[in-house]
Amino acid sequence: MLCRVLDWFNASADSAETARRPSPQTPPPAPPGGAQGIPRPAERHSPSLNFNWLIRSRVRGANTASATILTFLDSHCEVNTDWLQPMIQRVKEDHTRVVSPIIDVISLDNFAYLAASADLRGGFDWSLHFKWEQIPIEQKMARSDPTQPIRTPVIAGGIFVMDKSWFNHLGQYDTHMDIWGGENFELSFRVWMCGGSLEILPCSRVGHVFRKRHPYDFPEGNALTYIKNTRRAAEVWMDEYKQYYYSARPSAQGKAFGSIADRLTLRRKLNCKPFRWYMENVYPELRVPEQEAVSSVLKQGGLCLEALGRDSLSLAECRGAGTNRLQSQKWELVEPLIRQQDLCLAISAFTAGSKVKMEPCNSKEPRQKWKPRGPALQHMVSGLCLDNQGTNGPLVISQCRPQMAGQSWEPQVIA
């Protein structure tokens, strides 16, 4: 049932590391933990000594495997008792699951085995730096059984189990990434956004040696390699949210990352969800950085959107200029809110024809969430657009037709 895909495929380390690796002609040593009575899975080793590094080596290993389920393991690991069966069972129940164990720590200094917390999941910041974080309190309170799987936005990437057909269907790894670093984000985004799920299974534990330095050189340097790989992930999967990646990692601007045409084609072919869906449904705890509020008028032809109290929204003659613009015509567009001081644009219901009004701002209120759609302003939850059906009529939401004059809004920044 299983082929274990190891970093033994990776023939790219320095000569000292290579000397310790079994040659293609030499039977490999028993895997860590074998003395504990764990069944040893089938292993295949690539005879090639080409410099494929981790990412492309894992793809070669997966292609060589004849089994239906793949287990990816870093070579500097030691498995714990009964580590494999729970993960295999989860994948057998749903082939779109990608399952990772709890990753314990093996001391680099004395190989002591240190158990990690069972209340952690994978997360990241906007620079695409992986981190372990506590399960959100509401999820923790809902867990009646400590052995229940933990939904995780991302996996660390070194150790996981995945159905081979699903791995191939999703496009394996991005083999234009180099060495390693960042491939776990690309895989994690792709799994969630294209119909799968990621989880950590408390019943499975694998120890991992966390090294203080790399035992080999990165030809272009560690930092440049990581930037190239994470830029590829951001450009393919993060949509408009990639701006926050570049803000958090300005050194990535202008750095070469190669062609992503084949990965964009893959995303379209798989009909994957937008990154906004990932943010709202998988990782809502990742806060979008505060945007600087800029005052604008919302023009439609020669008229401006004006609010006179909570229930009076209309188009009126644009009055004043610059900082002398009427306060009732000044708007702050800080996505997802369209606000005037403490009041925000909100729909009264989620159906076409519903009126739009002003109410106290609440960034968690779904009726107040908007986004640009070309020249139109689209309500994010209903999918309908802000529509002026007549100069004297109320503003409503209706089916989006951005080419229609009544749905075309031109924000002009007040200088």
Protein backbone atom coordinates (compact mmCIF):
# COMPACT_ATOMS: atom_id res chain seq x y z
CA MET A 1 0.00 0.00 0.00
CA LEU A 2 2.85 2.38 0.60
CA CYS A 3 5.99 3.71 -0.96
CA ARG A 4 8.20 5.78 1.29
CA VAL A 5 9.65 8.72 -0.66
CA LEU A 6 12.76 9.90 1.15
CA ASP A 7 15.41 12.53 0.74
CA TRP A 8 17.72 9.67 -0.26
CA PHE A 9 16.58 10.67 -3.75
CA ASN A 10 18.29 13.97 -3.19
CA ALA A 11 21.78 13.57 -4.60
CA SER A 12 22.69 17.24 -4.25
CA ALA A 13 24.35 17.59 -0.84
CA ASP A 14 28.04 18.19 -0.29
CA SER A 15 30.61 15.42 -0.57
CA ALA A 16 30.68 14.64 3.16
CA GLU A 17 26.91 14.19 3.17
CA THR A 18 27.06 12.07 0.02
CA ALA A 19 29.66 9.82 1.60
CA ARG A 20 27.21 8.94 4.36
CA ARG A 21 24.38 8.19 1.96
CA PRO A 22 23.93 4.59 0.78
CA SER A 23 24.95 4.10 -2.81
CA PRO A 24 22.43 2.76 -5.35
CA GLN A 25 24.14 -0.62 -5.20
CA THR A 26 24.16 -0.85 -1.40
CA PRO A 27 20.98 -1.91 0.43
CA PRO A 28 19.78 1.08 2.49
CA PRO A 29 19.90 0.87 6.28
CA ALA A 30 16.76 0.07 8.24
CA PRO A 31 14.62 3.19 8.59
CA PRO A 32 14.61 4.95 11.98
CA GLY A 33 12.17 3.27 14.33
CA GLY A 34 12.40 -0.09 12.61
CA ALA A 35 13.52 -1.72 15.83
CA GLN A 36 10.17 -0.78 17.34
CA GLY A 37 8.37 -3.35 15.19
CA ILE A 38 6.99 -0.92 12.62
CA PRO A 39 6.47 -2.59 9.22
CA ARG A 40 9.11 -1.45 6.80
CA PRO A 41 7.56 0.03 3.64
CA ALA A 42 8.79 -0.65 0.16
CA GLU A 43 11.69 1.57 -0.87
CA ARG A 44 13.07 2.56 -4.23
CA HIS A 45 16.23 4.53 -4.80
CA SER A 46 17.15 6.55 -7.84
CA PRO A 47 20.40 5.47 -9.48
CA SER A 48 20.95 8.96 -10.83
CA LEU A 49 23.45 11.27 -9.17
CA ASN A 50 22.19 14.35 -10.99
CA PHE A 51 21.73 17.47 -8.91
CA ASN A 52 17.96 17.38 -8.50
CA TRP A 53 17.71 18.66 -4.93
CA LEU A 54 14.73 17.98 -2.74
CA ILE A 55 11.71 19.21 -4.74
CA ARG A 56 12.50 17.55 -8.06
CA SER A 57 13.86 14.48 -6.26
CA ARG A 58 10.55 14.00 -4.47
CA VAL A 59 8.72 14.15 -7.79
CA ARG A 60 11.07 11.53 -9.23
CA GLY A 61 10.48 9.35 -6.19
CA ALA A 62 6.71 9.69 -6.49
CA ASN A 63 6.86 8.82 -10.20
CA THR A 64 8.93 5.74 -9.41
CA ALA A 65 6.58 4.57 -6.65
CA SER A 66 4.13 1.82 -7.58
CA ALA A 67 1.93 2.13 -4.49
CA THR A 68 -1.35 4.05 -4.19
CA ILE A 69 -0.32 6.11 -1.14
CA LEU A 70 2.87 8.13 -0.76
CA THR A 71 4.61 9.00 2.50
CA PHE A 72 7.12 11.82 2.24
CA LEU A 73 9.77 11.81 4.97
CA ASP A 74 12.82 13.93 5.55
CA SER A 75 15.82 11.65 5.99
CA HIS A 76 16.74 13.15 9.41
CA CYS A 77 13.67 11.72 11.15
CA GLU A 78 12.82 8.95 13.57
CA VAL A 79 9.31 7.56 13.55
CA ASN A 80 7.43 6.75 16.74
CA THR A 81 5.29 3.73 17.62
CA ASP A 82 2.28 3.12 15.34
CA TRP A 83 2.93 6.34 13.48
CA LEU A 84 1.79 5.26 10.03
CA GLN A 85 -1.54 3.46 10.40
CA PRO A 86 -3.64 6.45 11.57
CA MET A 87 -2.46 8.61 8.65
CA ILE A 88 -3.06 5.87 6.10
CA GLN A 89 -6.57 5.37 7.47
CA ARG A 90 -7.43 9.06 7.11
CA VAL A 91 -6.28 9.10 3.49
CA LYS A 92 -8.15 5.87 2.73
CA GLU A 93 -11.36 7.46 4.08
CA ASP A 94 -10.92 10.53 1.87
CA HIS A 95 -8.29 10.54 -0.87
CA THR A 96 -8.25 14.37 -0.99
CA ARG A 97 -6.85 14.62 2.54
CA VAL A 98 -3.19 15.41 3.03
CA VAL A 99 -2.17 14.26 6.50
CA SER A 100 0.84 15.23 8.59
CA PRO A 101 1.89 13.87 11.99
CA ILE A 102 2.79 15.87 15.05
CA ILE A 103 6.46 16.63 14.53
CA ASP A 104 8.47 16.09 17.69
CA VAL A 105 11.97 17.43 18.24
CA ILE A 106 15.13 15.36 18.23
CA SER A 107 17.96 17.30 19.86
CA LEU A 108 20.79 18.10 17.48
CA ASP A 109 23.23 17.95 20.40
CA ASN A 110 22.44 14.59 22.01
CA PHE A 111 19.54 13.10 19.96
CA ALA A 112 17.18 13.33 22.95
CA TYR A 113 13.55 12.91 21.88
CA LEU A 114 11.35 15.84 22.98
CA ALA A 115 7.56 15.64 22.57
CA ALA A 116 5.88 18.61 20.91
CA SER A 117 2.53 20.08 21.95
CA ALA A 118 -0.58 18.44 20.51
CA ASP A 119 -2.34 21.84 20.31
CA LEU A 120 -0.34 23.32 17.45
CA ARG A 121 -1.01 23.83 13.77
CA GLY A 122 0.96 25.31 10.89
CA GLY A 123 0.68 29.02 10.11
CA PHE A 124 2.63 31.80 8.44
CA ASP A 125 3.07 35.54 8.23
CA TRP A 126 2.87 37.70 5.13
CA SER A 127 6.56 37.21 4.34
CA LEU A 128 5.69 33.52 3.92
CA HIS A 129 7.67 32.52 6.97
CA PHE A 130 6.33 29.27 8.42
CA LYS A 131 5.53 29.15 12.14
CA TRP A 132 3.83 26.86 14.62
CA GLU A 133 0.86 28.46 16.32
CA GLN A 134 -1.78 27.53 18.86
CA ILE A 135 -5.10 26.19 17.62
CA PRO A 136 -7.69 29.02 17.76
CA ILE A 137 -9.50 28.98 21.09
CA GLU A 138 -12.92 28.30 19.53
CA GLN A 139 -11.54 25.21 17.78
CA LYS A 140 -9.85 24.07 20.96
CA MET A 141 -13.11 24.43 22.93
CA ALA A 142 -14.97 22.41 20.27
CA ARG A 143 -12.52 19.49 20.47
CA SER A 144 -14.16 16.82 22.61
CA ASP A 145 -11.48 14.24 21.77
CA PRO A 146 -7.73 15.10 21.86
CA THR A 147 -7.11 12.54 19.11
CA GLN A 148 -9.31 14.38 16.60
CA PRO A 149 -7.48 15.65 13.50
CA ILE A 150 -6.41 19.30 13.54
CA ARG A 151 -7.25 21.38 10.48
CA THR A 152 -4.13 23.28 9.49
CA PRO A 153 -3.76 26.15 6.98
CA VAL A 154 -0.30 24.91 5.94
CA ILE A 155 1.97 21.98 6.68
CA ALA A 156 5.67 22.15 7.47
CA GLY A 157 6.21 20.06 4.36
CA GLY A 158 8.87 17.59 5.46
CA ILE A 159 6.59 14.75 6.56
CA PHE A 160 3.15 13.96 5.18
CA VAL A 161 0.99 11.24 3.63
CA MET A 162 -0.93 11.77 0.38
CA ASP A 163 -2.84 9.69 -2.13
CA LYS A 164 -0.66 9.24 -5.22
CA SER A 165 -3.45 9.84 -7.74
CA TRP A 166 -4.43 13.04 -5.89
CA PHE A 167 -0.78 14.16 -5.81
CA ASN A 168 -0.58 13.68 -9.57
CA HIS A 169 -4.00 15.24 -10.22
CA LEU A 170 -2.99 18.40 -8.33
CA GLY A 171 0.23 18.80 -10.31
CA GLN A 172 2.77 17.18 -7.94
CA TYR A 173 5.31 19.89 -6.98
CA ASP A 174 6.30 23.05 -8.82
CA THR A 175 9.53 21.65 -10.26
CA HIS A 176 10.75 25.11 -11.28
CA MET A 177 11.35 25.83 -7.62
CA ASP A 178 14.93 25.21 -6.55
CA ILE A 179 16.42 23.04 -3.78
CA TRP A 180 13.81 23.48 -1.02
CA GLY A 181 11.98 26.22 0.84
CA GLY A 182 8.55 27.61 0.04
CA GLU A 183 7.29 24.45 -1.65
CA ASN A 184 5.17 23.70 1.42
CA PHE A 185 3.20 26.94 0.93
CA GLU A 186 2.64 26.25 -2.75
CA LEU A 187 1.43 22.72 -2.02
CA SER A 188 -0.72 23.82 0.94
CA PHE A 189 -2.46 26.63 -0.99
CA ARG A 190 -3.04 24.29 -3.92
CA VAL A 191 -4.51 21.49 -1.81
CA TRP A 192 -6.99 23.76 -0.01
CA MET A 193 -7.94 25.94 -2.98
CA CYS A 194 -8.35 23.03 -5.41
CA GLY A 195 -10.69 20.82 -3.40
CA GLY A 196 -8.62 19.06 -0.73
CA SER A 197 -7.78 19.56 2.92
CA LEU A 198 -4.77 19.52 5.24
CA GLU A 199 -4.69 18.10 8.73
CA ILE A 200 -2.35 17.16 11.55
CA LEU A 201 -3.08 13.87 13.26
CA PRO A 202 -2.28 13.74 17.01
CA CYS A 203 -2.21 9.92 16.98
CA SER A 204 0.85 9.99 14.74
CA ARG A 205 4.22 11.29 15.92
CA VAL A 206 7.52 11.55 14.09
CA GLY A 207 10.72 13.01 15.52
CA HIS A 208 12.75 15.44 13.42
CA VAL A 209 16.29 16.78 13.82
CA PHE A 210 16.14 20.56 13.34
CA ARG A 211 19.58 21.59 12.11
CA LYS A 212 21.21 24.90 12.94
CA ARG A 213 22.76 25.22 9.49
CA HIS A 214 22.54 23.62 6.07
CA PRO A 215 25.08 20.84 5.46
CA TYR A 216 25.31 21.94 1.81
CA ASP A 217 25.49 25.14 -0.20
CA PHE A 218 22.66 26.82 -2.11
CA PRO A 219 24.18 27.80 -5.50
CA GLU A 220 22.42 31.20 -5.48
CA GLY A 221 22.40 31.54 -1.71
CA ASN A 222 19.69 30.49 0.72
CA ALA A 223 17.93 33.87 0.74
CA LEU A 224 17.67 34.25 -3.04
CA THR A 225 16.46 30.68 -3.46
CA TYR A 226 13.75 31.20 -0.85
CA ILE A 227 12.67 34.45 -2.48
CA LYS A 228 12.44 32.82 -5.91
CA ASN A 229 10.35 29.94 -4.57
CA THR A 230 8.00 32.03 -2.47
CA ARG A 231 7.56 34.57 -5.29
CA ARG A 232 6.39 31.71 -7.50
CA ALA A 233 3.88 30.64 -4.85
CA ALA A 234 2.65 34.19 -4.32
CA GLU A 235 2.31 35.01 -8.02
CA VAL A 236 0.38 31.84 -8.83
CA TRP A 237 -1.87 31.47 -5.78
CA MET A 238 -2.21 34.65 -3.71
CA ASP A 239 -4.10 36.87 -6.18
CA GLU A 240 -4.45 40.44 -4.91
CA TYR A 241 -3.13 39.40 -1.49
CA LYS A 242 0.38 39.07 -2.94
CA GLN A 243 0.77 42.81 -2.31
CA TYR A 244 1.12 42.01 1.39
CA TYR A 245 3.86 39.48 0.62
CA TYR A 246 5.82 42.15 -1.25
CA SER A 247 5.23 44.69 1.52
CA ALA A 248 6.56 42.22 4.11
CA ARG A 249 9.44 41.07 1.90
CA PRO A 250 10.46 44.11 -0.20
CA SER A 251 13.70 42.42 -1.24
CA ALA A 252 11.59 40.11 -3.42
CA GLN A 253 10.64 42.95 -5.76
CA GLY A 254 12.35 42.57 -9.10
CA LYS A 255 13.96 39.21 -8.33
CA ALA A 256 13.76 36.63 -11.12
CA PHE A 257 11.37 33.73 -10.53
CA GLY A 258 11.05 32.13 -13.96
CA SER A 259 7.96 31.38 -16.00
CA ILE A 260 4.77 30.46 -14.13
CA ALA A 261 2.62 29.96 -17.24
CA ASP A 262 2.29 26.20 -16.72
CA ARG A 263 1.25 26.62 -13.08
CA LEU A 264 -1.35 29.27 -13.95
CA THR A 265 -2.70 26.92 -16.62
CA LEU A 266 -2.87 24.17 -14.00
CA ARG A 267 -4.82 26.43 -11.63
CA ARG A 268 -7.37 27.24 -14.34
CA LYS A 269 -7.65 23.59 -15.36
CA LEU A 270 -8.32 22.52 -11.76
CA ASN A 271 -10.90 25.31 -11.35
CA CYS A 272 -9.36 26.32 -8.02
CA LYS A 273 -10.94 28.80 -5.64
CA PRO A 274 -9.52 32.32 -5.15
CA PHE A 275 -7.11 33.13 -2.36
CA ARG A 276 -9.84 35.27 -0.80
CA TRP A 277 -11.79 32.04 -0.21
CA TYR A 278 -8.72 30.57 1.50
CA MET A 279 -8.45 33.63 3.75
CA GLU A 280 -12.12 33.55 4.70
CA ASN A 281 -12.60 29.79 5.11
CA VAL A 282 -9.22 28.29 5.95
CA TYR A 283 -7.12 30.99 7.62
CA PRO A 284 -9.36 33.87 8.77
CA GLU A 285 -6.99 34.41 11.71
CA LEU A 286 -4.33 35.82 9.36
CA ARG A 287 -4.94 39.53 9.65
CA VAL A 288 -4.68 41.72 6.59
CA PRO A 289 -2.32 44.63 7.34
CA GLU A 290 -4.03 47.89 8.11
CA GLN A 291 -4.31 50.01 5.00
CA GLU A 292 -3.84 53.74 5.14
CA ALA A 293 -7.22 55.38 4.77
CA VAL A 294 -7.43 57.63 1.70
CA SER A 295 -10.36 59.99 1.22
CA SER A 296 -12.02 59.79 -2.17
CA VAL A 297 -15.20 60.77 -3.93
CA LEU A 298 -17.18 58.11 -5.76
CA LYS A 299 -18.19 59.65 -9.07
CA GLN A 300 -20.69 58.46 -11.60
CA GLY A 301 -20.62 60.76 -14.60
CA GLY A 302 -20.76 64.28 -13.23
CA LEU A 303 -22.43 63.24 -9.97
CA CYS A 304 -21.03 62.08 -6.62
CA LEU A 305 -22.25 59.48 -4.13
CA GLU A 306 -23.58 61.31 -1.09
CA ALA A 307 -24.80 60.12 2.32
CA LEU A 308 -27.15 62.28 4.37
CA GLY A 309 -27.74 60.19 7.48
CA ARG A 310 -28.14 56.44 7.69
CA ASP A 311 -31.05 55.99 5.32
CA SER A 312 -30.37 58.63 2.68
CA LEU A 313 -27.94 57.56 -0.03
CA SER A 314 -28.11 59.20 -3.42
CA LEU A 315 -26.19 60.74 -6.29
CA ALA A 316 -25.88 64.51 -6.07
CA GLU A 317 -24.00 67.32 -7.72
CA CYS A 318 -20.33 67.19 -6.76
CA ARG A 319 -19.67 70.17 -4.50
CA GLY A 320 -16.44 71.62 -3.23
CA ALA A 321 -12.92 70.68 -4.24
CA GLY A 322 -9.89 69.16 -2.56
CA THR A 323 -10.01 69.39 1.20
CA ASN A 324 -13.09 71.62 0.91
CA ARG A 325 -15.14 68.73 -0.44
CA LEU A 326 -18.41 68.20 1.45
CA GLN A 327 -18.00 65.64 4.25
CA SER A 328 -21.12 63.88 3.02
CA GLN A 329 -19.30 63.10 -0.25
CA LYS A 330 -16.01 61.95 1.26
CA TRP A 331 -15.48 58.17 1.38
CA GLU A 332 -12.68 56.01 2.71
CA LEU A 333 -12.14 52.80 0.74
CA VAL A 334 -10.34 50.41 3.10
CA GLU A 335 -11.21 46.98 1.78
CA PRO A 336 -13.58 45.41 2.56
CA LEU A 337 -15.26 48.53 3.98
CA ILE A 338 -16.54 51.67 2.26
CA ARG A 339 -16.86 54.13 5.09
CA GLN A 340 -17.68 57.67 6.15
CA GLN A 341 -16.22 58.27 9.59
CA ASP A 342 -17.94 55.65 11.82
CA LEU A 343 -20.62 54.61 9.33
CA CYS A 344 -20.18 52.08 6.51
CA LEU A 345 -22.00 51.15 3.33
CA ALA A 346 -24.16 48.07 4.00
CA ILE A 347 -26.85 46.09 2.19
CA SER A 348 -30.22 45.56 3.84
CA ALA A 349 -30.57 41.98 2.49
CA PHE A 350 -28.65 39.54 0.30
CA THR A 351 -31.11 39.51 -2.62
CA ALA A 352 -31.19 41.54 -5.83
CA GLY A 353 -33.07 44.83 -5.45
CA SER A 354 -32.21 45.21 -1.76
CA LYS A 355 -31.52 48.77 -0.67
CA VAL A 356 -28.11 49.99 0.41
CA LYS A 357 -27.82 52.06 3.58
CA MET A 358 -25.31 53.34 6.15
CA GLU A 359 -24.77 51.66 9.51
CA PRO A 360 -22.05 51.54 12.22
CA CYS A 361 -18.89 49.95 10.85
CA ASN A 362 -18.12 46.34 11.74
CA SER A 363 -15.39 44.61 9.70
CA LYS A 364 -16.89 41.20 10.59
CA GLU A 365 -20.37 42.08 9.36
CA PRO A 366 -20.90 40.28 6.02
CA ARG A 367 -23.41 42.92 4.82
CA GLN A 368 -20.63 45.54 4.83
CA LYS A 369 -18.02 43.71 2.74
CA TRP A 370 -17.24 45.11 -0.72
CA LYS A 371 -14.53 44.73 -3.33
CA PRO A 372 -13.78 46.35 -6.71
CA ARG A 373 -14.84 44.44 -9.81
CA GLY A 374 -13.52 46.47 -12.69
CA PRO A 375 -15.36 49.81 -12.48
CA ALA A 376 -18.10 48.24 -10.34
CA LEU A 377 -18.29 47.78 -6.57
CA GLN A 378 -19.30 44.20 -5.79
CA HIS A 379 -20.73 42.99 -2.52
CA MET A 380 -18.45 40.11 -1.54
CA VAL A 381 -21.04 37.78 -0.01
CA SER A 382 -24.05 38.20 -2.30
CA GLY A 383 -21.98 38.68 -5.44
CA LEU A 384 -24.27 41.57 -6.47
CA CYS A 385 -23.10 45.05 -7.43
CA LEU A 386 -23.89 48.57 -6.21
CA ASP A 387 -26.40 50.00 -8.68
CA ASN A 388 -27.87 53.46 -9.18
CA GLN A 389 -31.18 52.87 -10.89
CA GLY A 390 -31.99 56.53 -11.32
CA THR A 391 -30.85 59.93 -10.14
CA ASN A 392 -33.66 60.23 -7.60
CA GLY A 393 -34.07 56.55 -6.80
CA PRO A 394 -32.49 54.58 -3.97
CA LEU A 395 -29.21 52.75 -4.40
CA VAL A 396 -29.63 48.99 -4.54
CA ILE A 397 -27.65 45.85 -5.32
CA SER A 398 -28.34 43.98 -8.53
CA GLN A 399 -26.79 41.44 -10.87
CA CYS A 400 -23.34 42.65 -11.85
CA ARG A 401 -23.09 44.26 -15.28
CA PRO A 402 -19.99 46.46 -14.91
CA GLN A 403 -20.46 47.87 -18.43
CA MET A 404 -23.72 49.54 -17.34
CA ALA A 405 -23.45 53.22 -16.46
CA GLY A 406 -25.43 52.75 -13.25
CA GLN A 407 -22.80 50.33 -11.90
CA SER A 408 -19.71 52.24 -12.98
CA TRP A 409 -18.03 54.08 -10.11
CA GLU A 410 -14.90 56.19 -10.42
CA PRO A 411 -13.00 56.76 -7.16
CA GLN A 412 -11.09 60.03 -7.22
CA VAL A 413 -8.62 60.66 -4.45
CA ILE A 414 -9.09 63.97 -2.64
CA ALA A 415 -5.72 65.74 -2.75
